[in-house]
């Protein structure tokens, strides 16, 4: 994905009184080309508080607690990092800017900056917390973040996540949906992953990874075991490595903007891509997860190898070990406790000694809606994955061995 150069940021001072003196760090006229207005529905620009602006953001903080840590370098660094997020989310991912109220009847034709309130600095009537996003009375999403969550060099990973929530809210399509709530944290982490990729961040191999999702991947996603790490499916839809019609760089934007009231997100995806069989989409996604065969595979594999080096329990939680069916030969079943739920998957490692592998697949239920997909995945010594065709209940697939170090079946 082509990444855009970051815009130059200008720090400007609003008309309210300042408790400290700040100057623009780029040395340019602070009033030039400022097309976004400022607003403060909580304090109405109280002269006892502090305000600092960049091109698209306004920082607001008090005068006690951690306020002493809010230096000019702190503000400039965070403003620069937030403007970088802005460029990535709006330009690379195509999102609508969060500059107008989410309630159309409250819009006045102006564009406004996103407010970031600094927790732990003595702001009245706000309960201090680490970081969250919420809406104000005018229908604008704002961020409330502790000073400790706003490390700027290297950049905090907290703000790209919380700003992802702001962006989600202002796309409008998921705001009146009782089913989308469980997806918001994974979606915010998807935003953060895209930020990590675009900026070339190397901390933690440059990925937040998805350990908890891997260890519950047979369950529907997101679920109560893991609301945050279930973002790989959105990465798959964005990168679209199998060139499925309807998906790609701006598909998540389309989901967020075109969602309908109380529409289940998986149903939404199916509706938005009528030209593509959604069960096949899930099958192609599952096959890629066998070897993390996506754009940032190296980062994912590095994190996985760290997990596997910690002990065999990680292997057993990530991969599904088949059980031989009593009284049969060469017939194996997924354990009951790992049976995949809707959109869930099993990654089954195999060891073969011959020149080919042949698999006949049978689903264990014929209930309405059951529509299985499976795939044989081979990875050679160079890390290149090859795939069989997707196959369904009752079908057999045979695939020649390339004498590979790893072989998986994805269901």
Protein backbone atom coordinates (compact mmCIF):
# COMPACT_ATOMS: atom_id res chain seq x y z
CA UNK A 1 0.00 0.00 0.00
CA UNK A 2 1.42 3.36 -0.95
CA UNK A 3 1.89 5.57 2.06
CA UNK A 4 1.64 9.34 1.90
CA UNK A 5 4.19 11.78 3.23
CA UNK A 6 3.13 13.33 6.48
CA UNK A 7 1.74 16.84 6.43
CA UNK A 8 3.62 19.64 8.15
CA UNK A 9 1.93 20.49 11.43
CA UNK A 10 1.43 23.95 12.84
CA UNK A 11 0.97 24.60 16.53
CA UNK A 12 -1.29 27.58 17.10
CA UNK A 13 -2.60 29.30 20.17
CA UNK A 14 -6.29 29.91 20.72
CA UNK A 15 -7.71 33.14 22.07
CA UNK A 16 -8.10 31.81 25.62
CA UNK A 17 -5.52 32.71 28.23
CA UNK A 18 -2.57 30.34 28.50
CA UNK A 19 -0.86 29.27 31.70
CA UNK A 20 2.38 28.57 29.82
CA UNK A 21 3.92 30.19 26.78
CA UNK A 22 4.11 28.10 23.59
CA UNK A 23 5.45 28.89 20.15
CA UNK A 24 4.98 27.12 16.81
CA UNK A 25 7.80 24.63 16.35
CA UNK A 26 8.04 25.01 12.57
CA UNK A 27 8.65 28.75 12.74
CA UNK A 28 5.75 29.61 10.39
CA UNK A 29 2.86 32.01 10.88
CA UNK A 30 0.61 30.25 13.41
CA UNK A 31 -2.55 31.75 11.92
CA UNK A 32 -1.99 30.66 8.32
CA UNK A 33 -4.29 28.21 6.57
CA UNK A 34 -6.13 27.15 9.73
CA UNK A 35 -9.45 25.94 8.30
CA UNK A 36 -10.55 23.90 11.33
CA UNK A 37 -12.21 25.74 14.21
CA UNK A 38 -11.98 24.93 17.90
CA UNK A 39 -14.74 24.19 20.39
CA UNK A 40 -14.84 23.20 24.07
CA UNK A 41 -18.30 22.18 25.27
CA UNK A 42 -17.06 21.12 28.72
CA UNK A 43 -15.22 24.23 29.89
CA UNK A 44 -16.07 26.90 27.31
CA UNK A 45 -12.43 27.97 27.07
CA UNK A 46 -12.09 28.55 30.80
CA UNK A 47 -9.22 31.00 31.27
CA UNK A 48 -7.89 28.83 34.09
CA UNK A 49 -7.20 25.92 31.75
CA UNK A 50 -4.66 25.42 28.98
CA UNK A 51 -5.27 24.98 25.25
CA UNK A 52 -2.93 23.97 22.46
CA UNK A 53 -3.72 23.35 18.81
CA UNK A 54 -2.30 21.63 15.78
CA UNK A 55 -3.91 21.50 12.35
CA UNK A 56 -6.64 19.01 13.31
CA UNK A 57 -6.40 18.60 17.11
CA UNK A 58 -6.87 20.62 20.28
CA UNK A 59 -5.25 19.57 23.57
CA UNK A 60 -6.91 20.71 26.81
CA UNK A 61 -5.47 20.30 30.32
CA UNK A 62 -5.55 21.71 33.84
CA UNK A 63 -2.96 22.94 36.33
CA UNK A 64 -2.46 20.21 38.91
CA UNK A 65 -1.39 16.57 39.14
CA UNK A 66 0.61 15.67 36.06
CA UNK A 67 0.19 19.07 34.43
CA UNK A 68 3.86 19.79 35.02
CA UNK A 69 4.74 17.05 32.52
CA UNK A 70 2.86 18.87 29.75
CA UNK A 71 5.82 20.68 28.23
CA UNK A 72 6.10 22.26 24.82
CA UNK A 73 8.09 19.23 23.60
CA UNK A 74 5.33 16.95 24.94
CA UNK A 75 2.65 18.89 23.05
CA UNK A 76 4.61 19.22 19.84
CA UNK A 77 5.53 15.53 19.86
CA UNK A 78 1.97 14.36 20.48
CA UNK A 79 0.56 16.80 17.94
CA UNK A 80 3.02 15.56 15.35
CA UNK A 81 2.12 11.93 16.07
CA UNK A 82 -1.61 12.62 15.95
CA UNK A 83 -1.33 14.47 12.66
CA UNK A 84 0.56 11.45 11.33
CA UNK A 85 -2.37 9.26 12.38
CA UNK A 86 -4.72 11.70 10.67
CA UNK A 87 -2.86 11.38 7.38
CA UNK A 88 -2.82 7.58 7.53
CA UNK A 89 -6.46 7.14 8.51
CA UNK A 90 -7.87 9.74 6.16
CA UNK A 91 -5.53 9.49 3.17
CA UNK A 92 -4.36 5.88 3.17
CA UNK A 93 -7.56 4.30 4.49
CA UNK A 94 -10.02 6.78 2.99
CA UNK A 95 -11.93 7.62 6.17
CA UNK A 96 -14.16 10.67 6.50
CA UNK A 97 -12.61 13.31 8.80
CA UNK A 98 -14.14 13.53 12.31
CA UNK A 99 -14.75 17.25 11.92
CA UNK A 100 -18.57 17.47 12.00
CA UNK A 101 -21.14 16.29 14.51
CA UNK A 102 -22.33 12.70 14.25
CA UNK A 103 -25.83 14.18 14.50
CA UNK A 104 -26.65 15.87 11.21
CA UNK A 105 -29.20 18.20 12.80
CA UNK A 106 -26.44 19.68 14.99
CA UNK A 107 -24.10 20.54 12.13
CA UNK A 108 -23.48 24.23 11.43
CA UNK A 109 -21.45 24.01 8.23
CA UNK A 110 -18.09 24.44 9.99
CA UNK A 111 -15.28 21.94 10.52
CA UNK A 112 -13.86 21.46 13.99
CA UNK A 113 -10.73 20.00 15.53
CA UNK A 114 -10.79 16.82 17.60
CA UNK A 115 -10.43 17.50 21.32
CA UNK A 116 -7.95 15.56 23.46
CA UNK A 117 -8.45 16.12 27.21
CA UNK A 118 -5.50 15.26 29.43
CA UNK A 119 -6.40 13.08 32.41
CA UNK A 120 -4.70 13.61 35.75
CA UNK A 121 -4.17 17.33 35.24
CA UNK A 122 -7.01 18.72 37.35
CA UNK A 123 -9.84 19.01 34.82
CA UNK A 124 -13.08 19.52 36.77
CA UNK A 125 -15.91 16.98 36.62
CA UNK A 126 -13.92 14.40 34.68
CA UNK A 127 -12.99 11.10 36.31
CA UNK A 128 -9.34 10.40 35.70
CA UNK A 129 -8.68 7.32 33.61
CA UNK A 130 -5.94 5.88 31.40
CA UNK A 131 -7.55 6.41 28.01
CA UNK A 132 -10.97 6.31 26.40
CA UNK A 133 -13.08 7.87 23.67
CA UNK A 134 -16.56 9.30 24.18
CA UNK A 135 -19.03 11.77 22.66
CA UNK A 136 -19.72 15.28 23.90
CA UNK A 137 -23.09 17.05 23.90
CA UNK A 138 -22.55 18.36 20.39
CA UNK A 139 -22.10 14.91 18.90
CA UNK A 140 -18.32 15.09 18.51
CA UNK A 141 -16.10 12.21 19.57
CA UNK A 142 -13.28 13.25 21.87
CA UNK A 143 -10.33 11.50 23.54
CA UNK A 144 -9.54 11.49 27.27
CA UNK A 145 -5.99 10.30 27.90
CA UNK A 146 -3.60 10.20 30.83
CA UNK A 147 -0.31 12.02 30.39
CA UNK A 148 1.42 8.66 30.92
CA UNK A 149 -0.41 7.25 27.90
CA UNK A 150 0.97 9.99 25.68
CA UNK A 151 4.65 9.14 25.40
CA UNK A 152 5.73 10.78 22.16
CA UNK A 153 9.24 9.46 21.39
CA UNK A 154 8.86 6.66 20.53
CA UNK A 155 5.15 7.32 19.87
CA UNK A 156 2.56 5.91 22.25
CA UNK A 157 0.46 3.06 20.87
CA UNK A 158 -2.49 4.24 22.97
CA UNK A 159 -3.43 7.31 20.94
CA UNK A 160 -3.66 5.56 17.52
CA UNK A 161 -6.09 3.09 19.12
CA UNK A 162 -8.26 5.74 20.76
CA UNK A 163 -8.25 7.88 17.63
CA UNK A 164 -9.44 4.78 15.78
CA UNK A 165 -12.53 4.92 17.99
CA UNK A 166 -13.03 8.57 17.08
CA UNK A 167 -12.81 7.75 13.38
CA UNK A 168 -15.22 4.82 13.75
CA UNK A 169 -17.80 7.05 15.43
CA UNK A 170 -17.64 9.68 12.69
CA UNK A 171 -18.15 7.21 9.83
CA UNK A 172 -21.72 6.97 11.25
CA UNK A 173 -22.63 3.50 9.96
CA UNK A 174 -21.91 1.61 13.20
CA UNK A 175 -23.30 4.07 15.74
CA UNK A 176 -26.85 2.67 15.85
CA UNK A 177 -26.02 -0.99 15.85
CA UNK A 178 -26.48 -3.24 18.88
CA UNK A 179 -24.32 -5.93 17.24
CA UNK A 180 -21.28 -3.88 16.31
CA UNK A 181 -20.24 -2.98 19.87
CA UNK A 182 -18.11 -6.09 20.32
CA UNK A 183 -16.15 -5.17 17.18
CA UNK A 184 -15.07 -1.67 18.23
CA UNK A 185 -11.93 -2.67 20.14
CA UNK A 186 -10.67 -5.00 17.42
CA UNK A 187 -11.38 -2.30 14.88
CA UNK A 188 -9.41 0.28 16.87
CA UNK A 189 -6.51 -2.16 16.97
CA UNK A 190 -6.83 -2.61 13.20
CA UNK A 191 -6.42 1.15 12.86
CA UNK A 192 -3.36 0.96 15.09
CA UNK A 193 -1.87 -1.88 13.04
CA UNK A 194 -2.26 0.17 9.89
CA UNK A 195 -0.50 3.04 11.68
CA UNK A 196 2.33 0.72 12.74
CA UNK A 197 2.78 -0.54 9.18
CA UNK A 198 2.70 2.93 7.65
CA UNK A 199 5.20 4.42 10.09
CA UNK A 200 7.62 1.51 10.04
CA UNK A 201 7.43 1.19 13.82
CA UNK A 202 9.84 -1.54 14.98
CA UNK A 203 8.77 -1.92 18.62
CA UNK A 204 7.57 -5.49 19.21
CA UNK A 205 8.54 -6.39 15.64
CA UNK A 206 6.14 -3.67 14.45
CA UNK A 207 2.88 -5.43 15.30
CA UNK A 208 0.55 -5.65 18.27
CA UNK A 209 0.03 -9.30 17.19
CA UNK A 210 -3.02 -11.40 17.96
CA UNK A 211 -1.99 -14.03 20.52
CA UNK A 212 -5.30 -14.12 22.36
CA UNK A 213 -7.20 -14.37 19.09
CA UNK A 214 -5.02 -17.28 17.93
CA UNK A 215 -5.73 -19.10 21.17
CA UNK A 216 -9.49 -18.76 20.69
CA UNK A 217 -9.66 -18.84 16.88
CA UNK A 218 -12.17 -21.69 16.84
CA UNK A 219 -14.70 -19.33 18.41
CA UNK A 220 -16.69 -16.70 16.58
CA UNK A 221 -14.95 -13.34 16.53
CA UNK A 222 -14.83 -11.02 18.31
CA UNK A 223 -16.00 -12.80 21.44
CA UNK A 224 -15.85 -12.42 25.18
CA UNK A 225 -12.46 -14.09 25.39
CA UNK A 226 -10.91 -11.47 23.19
CA UNK A 227 -12.39 -8.21 21.96
CA UNK A 228 -9.09 -6.53 21.11
CA UNK A 229 -6.92 -8.90 19.05
CA UNK A 230 -9.53 -10.16 16.58
CA UNK A 231 -8.34 -7.77 13.86
CA UNK A 232 -6.54 -10.13 11.39
CA UNK A 233 -9.75 -10.65 9.39
CA UNK A 234 -9.93 -6.91 8.70
CA UNK A 235 -6.26 -6.95 7.68
CA UNK A 236 -7.10 -9.77 5.26
CA UNK A 237 -10.04 -7.87 3.77
CA UNK A 238 -7.89 -4.74 3.41
CA UNK A 239 -4.86 -6.43 1.83
CA UNK A 240 -7.06 -8.82 -0.19
CA UNK A 241 -4.17 -11.15 -1.14
CA UNK A 242 -6.51 -13.54 -2.97
CA UNK A 243 -7.93 -10.72 -5.11
CA UNK A 244 -11.52 -11.40 -4.10
CA UNK A 245 -13.95 -9.05 -5.79
CA UNK A 246 -15.26 -6.25 -3.61
CA UNK A 247 -12.48 -6.14 -1.02
CA UNK A 248 -9.34 -4.04 -0.77
CA UNK A 249 -7.80 -0.90 0.71
CA UNK A 250 -11.06 0.97 1.37
CA UNK A 251 -13.35 -1.90 2.29
CA UNK A 252 -13.29 -1.29 6.04
CA UNK A 253 -14.24 2.32 5.30
CA UNK A 254 -17.21 1.04 3.28
CA UNK A 255 -18.26 -1.16 6.20
CA UNK A 256 -18.15 1.73 8.63
CA UNK A 257 -19.93 4.17 6.35
CA UNK A 258 -22.55 1.89 4.80
CA UNK A 259 -23.57 -0.17 7.82
CA UNK A 260 -27.28 -0.33 8.53
CA UNK A 261 -29.13 -0.11 11.84
CA UNK A 262 -28.57 -3.27 13.92
CA UNK A 263 -26.89 -5.11 11.05
CA UNK A 264 -24.60 -7.95 12.14
CA UNK A 265 -21.10 -7.18 10.82
CA UNK A 266 -20.62 -10.53 9.05
CA UNK A 267 -23.99 -10.10 7.38
CA UNK A 268 -22.91 -6.58 6.44
CA UNK A 269 -19.78 -7.90 4.72
CA UNK A 270 -21.86 -10.41 2.79
CA UNK A 271 -24.31 -7.69 1.70
CA UNK A 272 -21.55 -5.34 0.55
CA UNK A 273 -19.88 -8.01 -1.61
CA UNK A 274 -22.72 -9.89 -3.34
CA UNK A 275 -20.35 -10.87 -6.15
CA UNK A 276 -18.22 -12.96 -3.75
CA UNK A 277 -19.31 -16.07 -1.84
CA UNK A 278 -18.82 -15.10 1.79
CA UNK A 279 -18.17 -18.70 2.88
CA UNK A 280 -15.33 -18.83 0.37
CA UNK A 281 -14.03 -15.52 1.75
CA UNK A 282 -13.83 -17.08 5.21
CA UNK A 283 -12.13 -20.16 3.75
CA UNK A 284 -9.49 -18.08 1.98
CA UNK A 285 -8.90 -16.10 5.16
CA UNK A 286 -8.48 -19.29 7.19
CA UNK A 287 -5.94 -20.73 4.75
CA UNK A 288 -3.81 -17.56 4.98
CA UNK A 289 -3.82 -17.77 8.77
CA UNK A 290 -2.13 -21.20 8.65
CA UNK A 291 1.21 -19.55 7.86
CA UNK A 292 0.27 -15.87 8.38
CA UNK A 293 0.66 -15.44 4.63
CA UNK A 294 -0.10 -11.73 4.62
CA UNK A 295 1.89 -8.59 3.87
CA UNK A 296 3.51 -8.45 7.31
CA UNK A 297 4.10 -12.16 7.71
CA UNK A 298 7.66 -11.70 8.99
CA UNK A 299 6.47 -9.60 11.93
CA UNK A 300 3.73 -12.08 12.81
CA UNK A 301 6.06 -15.07 12.53
CA UNK A 302 8.66 -13.40 14.74
CA UNK A 303 6.06 -12.91 17.47
CA UNK A 304 4.74 -16.45 17.02
CA UNK A 305 8.23 -17.93 17.31
CA UNK A 306 8.69 -16.07 20.59
CA UNK A 307 5.48 -17.62 21.89
CA UNK A 308 6.37 -21.14 20.79
CA UNK A 309 9.81 -20.83 22.37
CA UNK A 310 8.16 -20.21 25.76
CA UNK A 311 6.68 -23.69 25.99
CA UNK A 312 4.57 -26.38 24.38
CA UNK A 313 1.39 -25.07 25.98
CA UNK A 314 1.32 -22.24 23.45
CA UNK A 315 1.52 -24.72 20.57
CA UNK A 316 -1.37 -26.71 22.03
CA UNK A 317 -3.54 -23.63 22.43
CA UNK A 318 -2.86 -22.26 18.96
CA UNK A 319 -3.06 -25.45 16.91
CA UNK A 320 -5.78 -28.11 16.92
CA UNK A 321 -4.71 -31.70 17.58
CA UNK A 322 -7.08 -34.15 15.88
CA UNK A 323 -8.48 -37.19 17.68
CA UNK A 324 -8.76 -40.57 15.94
CA UNK A 325 -12.34 -41.75 15.65
CA UNK A 326 -12.86 -45.02 17.56
CA UNK A 327 -12.90 -48.14 15.41
CA UNK A 328 -11.53 -46.44 12.30
CA UNK A 329 -8.28 -46.07 10.42
CA UNK A 330 -7.16 -42.72 9.07
CA UNK A 331 -10.35 -41.02 10.26
CA UNK A 332 -9.83 -38.10 12.64
CA UNK A 333 -12.07 -35.53 14.26
CA UNK A 334 -11.67 -32.07 15.72
CA UNK A 335 -12.14 -32.31 19.52
CA UNK A 336 -15.57 -31.18 20.65
CA UNK A 337 -14.16 -28.27 22.63
CA UNK A 338 -12.41 -26.95 19.48
CA UNK A 339 -15.37 -27.32 17.12
CA UNK A 340 -15.47 -24.06 15.14
CA UNK A 341 -18.28 -21.61 15.73
CA UNK A 342 -19.52 -19.19 13.05
CA UNK A 343 -16.44 -17.81 11.23
CA UNK A 344 -14.18 -19.77 13.59
CA UNK A 345 -11.26 -21.77 12.27
CA UNK A 346 -8.95 -24.66 13.16
CA UNK A 347 -5.29 -24.79 12.23
CA UNK A 348 -4.25 -28.44 12.09
CA UNK A 349 -0.54 -29.26 11.67
CA UNK A 350 0.31 -32.52 9.87
CA UNK A 351 3.46 -34.55 9.27
CA UNK A 352 3.61 -36.57 6.05
CA UNK A 353 6.23 -38.96 4.70
CA UNK A 354 4.91 -39.80 1.23
CA UNK A 355 4.77 -37.90 -2.04
CA UNK A 356 1.20 -36.63 -1.64
CA UNK A 357 -1.59 -36.04 0.81
CA UNK A 358 -5.26 -36.81 0.24
CA UNK A 359 -8.01 -35.50 2.51
CA UNK A 360 -11.74 -36.23 2.50
CA UNK A 361 -13.69 -33.78 4.61
CA UNK A 362 -16.98 -34.38 6.42
CA UNK A 363 -18.75 -31.86 8.63
CA UNK A 364 -20.23 -33.33 11.79
CA UNK A 365 -23.48 -31.38 11.57
CA UNK A 366 -25.99 -30.62 8.85
CA UNK A 367 -27.85 -27.90 10.74
CA UNK A 368 -29.13 -25.00 8.69
CA UNK A 369 -26.32 -22.63 7.81
CA UNK A 370 -23.50 -25.15 8.20
CA UNK A 371 -21.33 -24.67 5.13
CA UNK A 372 -17.76 -25.76 5.71
CA UNK A 373 -14.57 -24.91 3.87
CA UNK A 374 -11.18 -26.60 4.20
CA UNK A 375 -7.79 -26.15 2.56
CA UNK A 376 -4.44 -27.96 2.54
CA UNK A 377 -1.58 -25.50 3.04
CA UNK A 378 2.07 -26.30 2.37
CA UNK A 379 4.99 -24.07 3.27
CA UNK A 380 8.41 -24.80 1.76
CA UNK A 381 11.85 -24.22 3.23
CA UNK A 382 11.86 -20.68 1.84
CA UNK A 383 8.62 -19.80 3.61
CA UNK A 384 6.50 -19.83 0.43
CA UNK A 385 2.98 -21.17 0.94
CA UNK A 386 1.00 -23.12 -1.64
CA UNK A 387 -2.67 -23.95 -1.34
CA UNK A 388 -5.06 -26.59 -2.50
CA UNK A 389 -8.45 -25.54 -3.78
CA UNK A 390 -10.99 -24.89 -1.06
CA UNK A 391 -13.10 -27.99 -0.51
CA UNK A 392 -16.40 -28.64 1.21
CA UNK A 393 -18.32 -31.27 3.09
CA UNK A 394 -18.04 -34.63 1.28
CA UNK A 395 -15.26 -33.54 -1.09
CA UNK A 396 -11.77 -35.00 -1.45
CA UNK A 397 -8.63 -33.07 -2.35
CA UNK A 398 -5.25 -34.57 -3.21
CA UNK A 399 -2.10 -32.49 -3.24
CA UNK A 400 1.48 -33.42 -4.08
CA UNK A 401 4.09 -32.97 -1.39
CA UNK A 402 6.99 -30.61 -1.97
CA UNK A 403 8.94 -32.10 0.95
CA UNK A 404 8.07 -29.17 3.07
CA UNK A 405 8.91 -28.51 6.72
CA UNK A 406 5.34 -27.50 7.59
CA UNK A 407 1.96 -28.69 6.44
CA UNK A 408 -1.41 -27.51 7.71
CA UNK A 409 -5.07 -28.01 7.08
CA UNK A 410 -7.18 -24.92 7.68
CA UNK A 411 -10.88 -25.34 8.39
